[in-house]
N, C-alpha and C. Protein backbone atom coordinates (compact mmCIF):
# COMPACT_ATOMS: atom_id res chain seq x y z
N MET A 1 0.85 -1.17 0.00
CA MET A 1 0.00 0.00 0.00
C MET A 1 0.90 1.23 0.00
N THR A 2 0.52 2.22 -0.74
CA THR A 2 1.31 3.43 -0.84
C THR A 2 1.09 4.30 0.38
N ILE A 3 1.93 5.31 0.51
CA ILE A 3 1.80 6.24 1.63
C ILE A 3 0.47 6.97 1.57
N ARG A 4 0.07 7.33 0.36
CA ARG A 4 -1.23 8.01 0.21
C ARG A 4 -2.37 7.09 0.62
N GLY A 5 -2.29 5.86 0.28
CA GLY A 5 -3.34 4.90 0.63
C GLY A 5 -3.43 4.71 2.14
N ARG A 6 -2.26 4.57 2.79
CA ARG A 6 -2.26 4.41 4.25
C ARG A 6 -2.83 5.66 4.93
N PHE A 7 -2.44 6.82 4.42
CA PHE A 7 -2.94 8.07 4.99
C PHE A 7 -4.45 8.17 4.84
N ALA A 8 -4.97 7.79 3.67
CA ALA A 8 -6.41 7.83 3.42
C ALA A 8 -7.15 6.89 4.37
N VAL A 9 -6.57 5.71 4.61
CA VAL A 9 -7.19 4.74 5.52
C VAL A 9 -7.19 5.31 6.95
N GLN A 10 -6.08 5.92 7.35
CA GLN A 10 -6.00 6.50 8.68
C GLN A 10 -7.00 7.65 8.85
N VAL A 11 -7.13 8.49 7.85
CA VAL A 11 -8.09 9.60 7.91
C VAL A 11 -9.52 9.05 7.98
N ALA A 12 -9.82 8.06 7.19
CA ALA A 12 -11.16 7.46 7.19
C ALA A 12 -11.46 6.84 8.55
N ALA A 13 -10.49 6.12 9.10
CA ALA A 13 -10.68 5.50 10.42
C ALA A 13 -10.87 6.56 11.50
N GLY A 14 -10.06 7.62 11.41
CA GLY A 14 -10.20 8.71 12.37
C GLY A 14 -11.56 9.39 12.26
N SER A 15 -12.06 9.54 11.04
CA SER A 15 -13.37 10.16 10.83
C SER A 15 -14.48 9.29 11.42
N VAL A 16 -14.37 7.97 11.25
CA VAL A 16 -15.37 7.06 11.81
C VAL A 16 -15.36 7.12 13.33
N VAL A 17 -14.19 7.13 13.93
CA VAL A 17 -14.07 7.21 15.39
C VAL A 17 -14.66 8.52 15.89
N LEU A 18 -14.36 9.62 15.21
CA LEU A 18 -14.89 10.92 15.59
C LEU A 18 -16.42 10.94 15.46
N ALA A 19 -16.95 10.39 14.39
CA ALA A 19 -18.40 10.36 14.18
C ALA A 19 -19.09 9.53 15.27
N VAL A 20 -18.49 8.41 15.65
CA VAL A 20 -19.05 7.57 16.71
C VAL A 20 -19.01 8.31 18.04
N ALA A 21 -17.94 9.02 18.31
CA ALA A 21 -17.82 9.77 19.56
C ALA A 21 -18.85 10.88 19.63
N VAL A 22 -19.04 11.59 18.53
CA VAL A 22 -20.04 12.67 18.50
C VAL A 22 -21.44 12.11 18.66
N ALA A 23 -21.75 11.04 17.97
CA ALA A 23 -23.08 10.42 18.08
C ALA A 23 -23.33 9.93 19.51
N GLY A 24 -22.31 9.34 20.13
CA GLY A 24 -22.46 8.88 21.51
C GLY A 24 -22.69 10.04 22.46
N ALA A 25 -21.98 11.14 22.24
CA ALA A 25 -22.17 12.31 23.11
C ALA A 25 -23.56 12.90 22.96
N VAL A 26 -24.07 12.92 21.73
CA VAL A 26 -25.41 13.45 21.50
C VAL A 26 -26.46 12.57 22.18
N VAL A 27 -26.31 11.27 22.05
CA VAL A 27 -27.28 10.34 22.64
C VAL A 27 -27.22 10.36 24.16
N LEU A 28 -26.03 10.45 24.71
CA LEU A 28 -25.87 10.37 26.16
C LEU A 28 -25.95 11.73 26.86
N TRP A 29 -26.05 12.81 26.09
CA TRP A 29 -26.10 14.15 26.69
C TRP A 29 -27.36 14.27 27.55
N PRO A 30 -27.22 14.75 28.77
CA PRO A 30 -28.40 14.84 29.63
C PRO A 30 -29.38 15.89 29.11
N THR A 31 -30.64 15.54 29.12
CA THR A 31 -31.68 16.47 28.68
C THR A 31 -32.48 16.91 29.90
N PRO A 32 -33.02 18.12 29.87
CA PRO A 32 -33.81 18.55 31.01
C PRO A 32 -35.05 17.67 31.13
N ALA A 33 -35.43 17.42 32.35
CA ALA A 33 -36.59 16.58 32.60
C ALA A 33 -37.85 17.30 32.13
N ALA A 34 -38.70 16.57 31.48
CA ALA A 34 -39.98 17.14 31.03
C ALA A 34 -40.86 17.39 32.25
N PRO A 35 -41.64 18.47 32.23
CA PRO A 35 -42.50 18.72 33.38
C PRO A 35 -43.54 17.62 33.53
N THR A 36 -43.86 17.32 34.76
CA THR A 36 -44.84 16.27 35.03
C THR A 36 -46.25 16.80 34.78
N HIS A 37 -47.19 15.90 34.73
CA HIS A 37 -48.60 16.28 34.54
C HIS A 37 -49.05 17.20 35.68
N GLU A 38 -48.62 16.91 36.88
CA GLU A 38 -49.01 17.72 38.03
C GLU A 38 -48.44 19.14 37.93
N GLN A 39 -47.19 19.25 37.47
CA GLN A 39 -46.57 20.57 37.31
C GLN A 39 -47.30 21.39 36.25
N ILE A 40 -47.64 20.76 35.14
CA ILE A 40 -48.36 21.46 34.08
C ILE A 40 -49.74 21.87 34.58
N SER A 41 -50.41 20.98 35.29
CA SER A 41 -51.73 21.29 35.83
C SER A 41 -51.67 22.47 36.79
N GLU A 42 -50.65 22.50 37.63
CA GLU A 42 -50.48 23.60 38.59
C GLU A 42 -50.20 24.92 37.86
N GLN A 43 -49.40 24.86 36.81
CA GLN A 43 -49.12 26.08 36.03
C GLN A 43 -50.39 26.62 35.39
N ILE A 44 -51.24 25.74 34.91
CA ILE A 44 -52.50 26.16 34.29
C ILE A 44 -53.41 26.80 35.34
N LYS A 45 -53.47 26.18 36.54
CA LYS A 45 -54.31 26.74 37.60
C LYS A 45 -53.83 28.13 38.02
N VAL A 46 -52.51 28.28 38.16
CA VAL A 46 -51.95 29.57 38.56
C VAL A 46 -52.23 30.63 37.50
N SER A 47 -52.09 30.27 36.24
CA SER A 47 -52.34 31.21 35.15
C SER A 47 -53.82 31.61 35.11
N ALA A 48 -54.71 30.65 35.28
CA ALA A 48 -56.14 30.96 35.27
C ALA A 48 -56.51 31.85 36.45
N GLN A 49 -55.94 31.59 37.62
CA GLN A 49 -56.25 32.42 38.79
C GLN A 49 -55.72 33.84 38.59
N ALA A 50 -54.54 33.97 37.99
CA ALA A 50 -54.00 35.31 37.72
C ALA A 50 -54.89 36.06 36.74
N HIS A 51 -55.45 35.35 35.77
CA HIS A 51 -56.37 35.95 34.80
C HIS A 51 -57.62 36.47 35.50
N LEU A 52 -58.17 35.68 36.40
CA LEU A 52 -59.36 36.10 37.15
C LEU A 52 -59.04 37.27 38.08
N ASP A 53 -57.90 37.20 38.75
CA ASP A 53 -57.51 38.28 39.67
C ASP A 53 -57.32 39.60 38.94
N THR A 54 -56.71 39.54 37.77
CA THR A 54 -56.49 40.75 36.97
C THR A 54 -57.83 41.33 36.52
N SER A 55 -58.75 40.48 36.12
CA SER A 55 -60.07 40.95 35.69
C SER A 55 -60.82 41.59 36.85
N LEU A 56 -60.78 40.96 38.00
CA LEU A 56 -61.46 41.50 39.18
C LEU A 56 -60.87 42.84 39.58
N LEU A 57 -59.55 42.95 39.56
CA LEU A 57 -58.88 44.20 39.91
C LEU A 57 -59.26 45.33 38.94
N ASP A 58 -59.31 45.02 37.66
CA ASP A 58 -59.69 46.03 36.68
C ASP A 58 -61.15 46.45 36.89
N GLY A 59 -62.00 45.50 37.25
CA GLY A 59 -63.39 45.83 37.57
C GLY A 59 -63.48 46.74 38.79
N ARG A 60 -62.63 46.50 39.79
CA ARG A 60 -62.59 47.36 40.99
C ARG A 60 -62.17 48.78 40.63
N LYS A 61 -61.23 48.89 39.68
CA LYS A 61 -60.81 50.22 39.24
C LYS A 61 -61.98 50.95 38.56
N ALA A 62 -62.75 50.22 37.77
CA ALA A 62 -63.93 50.82 37.13
C ALA A 62 -64.94 51.24 38.20
N GLN A 63 -65.10 50.42 39.23
CA GLN A 63 -66.02 50.76 40.33
C GLN A 63 -65.59 52.05 41.01
N LEU A 64 -64.30 52.19 41.26
CA LEU A 64 -63.79 53.42 41.88
C LEU A 64 -64.05 54.64 40.99
N ALA A 65 -63.91 54.46 39.69
CA ALA A 65 -64.18 55.57 38.77
C ALA A 65 -65.65 55.98 38.86
N ILE A 66 -66.54 55.01 38.95
CA ILE A 66 -67.98 55.30 39.08
C ILE A 66 -68.25 56.01 40.40
N LEU A 67 -67.67 55.49 41.48
CA LEU A 67 -67.88 56.10 42.80
C LEU A 67 -67.32 57.52 42.84
N ASN A 68 -66.19 57.76 42.17
CA ASN A 68 -65.60 59.11 42.13
C ASN A 68 -66.48 60.10 41.39
N LEU A 69 -67.35 59.59 40.52
CA LEU A 69 -68.30 60.45 39.83
C LEU A 69 -69.55 60.71 40.68
N GLY A 70 -69.58 60.11 41.86
CA GLY A 70 -70.72 60.30 42.75
C GLY A 70 -71.90 59.41 42.41
N GLN A 71 -71.67 58.37 41.64
CA GLN A 71 -72.75 57.45 41.26
C GLN A 71 -72.56 56.11 41.95
N THR A 72 -73.61 55.33 41.95
CA THR A 72 -73.57 53.99 42.53
C THR A 72 -73.37 52.99 41.40
N PRO A 73 -72.41 52.09 41.54
CA PRO A 73 -72.20 51.08 40.50
C PRO A 73 -73.45 50.23 40.29
N SER A 74 -73.81 50.03 39.06
CA SER A 74 -74.97 49.20 38.72
C SER A 74 -74.63 48.36 37.50
N ASP A 75 -75.51 47.42 37.20
CA ASP A 75 -75.30 46.59 36.01
C ASP A 75 -75.17 47.44 34.76
N GLU A 76 -76.03 48.45 34.64
CA GLU A 76 -76.05 49.29 33.44
C GLU A 76 -74.76 50.11 33.30
N LEU A 77 -74.33 50.74 34.39
CA LEU A 77 -73.10 51.54 34.34
C LEU A 77 -71.88 50.66 34.04
N CYS A 78 -71.81 49.53 34.71
CA CYS A 78 -70.68 48.63 34.50
C CYS A 78 -70.69 48.07 33.08
N GLN A 79 -71.87 47.72 32.58
CA GLN A 79 -71.97 47.21 31.21
C GLN A 79 -71.54 48.28 30.21
N GLY A 80 -71.91 49.52 30.48
CA GLY A 80 -71.50 50.62 29.61
C GLY A 80 -69.99 50.78 29.57
N LEU A 81 -69.36 50.68 30.73
CA LEU A 81 -67.90 50.77 30.77
C LEU A 81 -67.26 49.58 30.05
N TRP A 82 -67.84 48.42 30.25
CA TRP A 82 -67.31 47.21 29.59
C TRP A 82 -67.41 47.36 28.07
N ASP A 83 -68.55 47.87 27.60
CA ASP A 83 -68.75 48.02 26.16
C ASP A 83 -67.79 49.02 25.54
N ARG A 84 -67.27 49.96 26.32
CA ARG A 84 -66.33 50.94 25.81
C ARG A 84 -64.91 50.38 25.67
N LYS A 85 -64.66 49.23 26.26
CA LYS A 85 -63.34 48.62 26.14
C LYS A 85 -63.14 48.10 24.72
N THR A 86 -61.90 48.11 24.29
CA THR A 86 -61.61 47.55 22.96
C THR A 86 -61.79 46.03 23.00
N SER A 87 -61.92 45.45 21.84
CA SER A 87 -62.08 43.99 21.80
C SER A 87 -60.85 43.29 22.37
N ALA A 88 -59.67 43.87 22.18
CA ALA A 88 -58.45 43.28 22.74
C ALA A 88 -58.49 43.32 24.27
N GLU A 89 -58.95 44.45 24.83
CA GLU A 89 -59.06 44.56 26.29
C GLU A 89 -60.08 43.57 26.82
N GLN A 90 -61.21 43.45 26.13
CA GLN A 90 -62.24 42.51 26.57
C GLN A 90 -61.74 41.07 26.47
N HIS A 91 -61.01 40.78 25.42
CA HIS A 91 -60.50 39.42 25.23
C HIS A 91 -59.48 39.04 26.30
N ALA A 92 -58.76 40.02 26.81
CA ALA A 92 -57.72 39.75 27.81
C ALA A 92 -58.30 39.55 29.21
N MET A 93 -59.61 39.77 29.38
CA MET A 93 -60.21 39.67 30.71
C MET A 93 -61.36 38.69 30.74
N ASP A 94 -61.68 38.26 31.95
CA ASP A 94 -62.85 37.42 32.17
C ASP A 94 -64.03 38.35 32.44
N PRO A 95 -65.05 38.35 31.58
CA PRO A 95 -66.15 39.31 31.73
C PRO A 95 -66.91 39.19 33.05
N SER A 96 -67.15 37.97 33.49
CA SER A 96 -67.93 37.82 34.73
C SER A 96 -67.14 38.30 35.94
N ALA A 97 -65.83 38.02 35.99
CA ALA A 97 -65.01 38.50 37.11
C ALA A 97 -64.91 40.03 37.06
N TRP A 98 -64.82 40.60 35.88
CA TRP A 98 -64.75 42.05 35.74
C TRP A 98 -66.05 42.69 36.24
N MET A 99 -67.19 42.11 35.85
CA MET A 99 -68.49 42.66 36.27
C MET A 99 -68.65 42.56 37.79
N VAL A 100 -68.23 41.47 38.38
CA VAL A 100 -68.30 41.32 39.84
C VAL A 100 -67.44 42.41 40.49
N GLY A 101 -66.26 42.64 39.95
CA GLY A 101 -65.39 43.67 40.50
C GLY A 101 -65.98 45.06 40.36
N CYS A 102 -66.65 45.32 39.28
CA CYS A 102 -67.22 46.63 39.02
C CYS A 102 -68.49 46.86 39.85
N ARG A 103 -69.36 45.88 39.87
CA ARG A 103 -70.70 46.06 40.44
C ARG A 103 -70.76 45.81 41.94
N ASP A 104 -70.12 44.78 42.42
CA ASP A 104 -70.30 44.34 43.80
C ASP A 104 -69.30 45.02 44.73
N ALA A 105 -69.73 45.26 45.96
CA ALA A 105 -68.85 45.84 46.97
C ALA A 105 -67.78 44.81 47.33
N PRO A 106 -66.55 45.27 47.57
CA PRO A 106 -65.49 44.33 47.95
C PRO A 106 -65.84 43.62 49.26
N SER A 107 -65.52 42.34 49.31
CA SER A 107 -65.76 41.59 50.55
C SER A 107 -64.61 41.85 51.51
N PRO A 108 -64.90 41.83 52.80
CA PRO A 108 -63.84 42.13 53.78
C PRO A 108 -62.75 41.10 53.81
């Protein structure tokens, strides 16, 4: 075998060894653990509660605006304020939680 042939065989063998090492590292590389069903469920509950809390708080702000005008919050006044919100604002909130925040007196 010529020197070129031996060199080509050595390069090919080295390439195969390197490819096997890289493939092994990729397969054996630790991956982050996937979240469990319970963790995902808890994240959904927390997100939903935050959505409701934000809607209620925004409704309370509307109630304060009504009270500052010297009026009593009612279904009609609150509905009027709700209707003035943009569709994006309405979509970002829970309508029933917002109406409770606007219309009903805060509980102690």
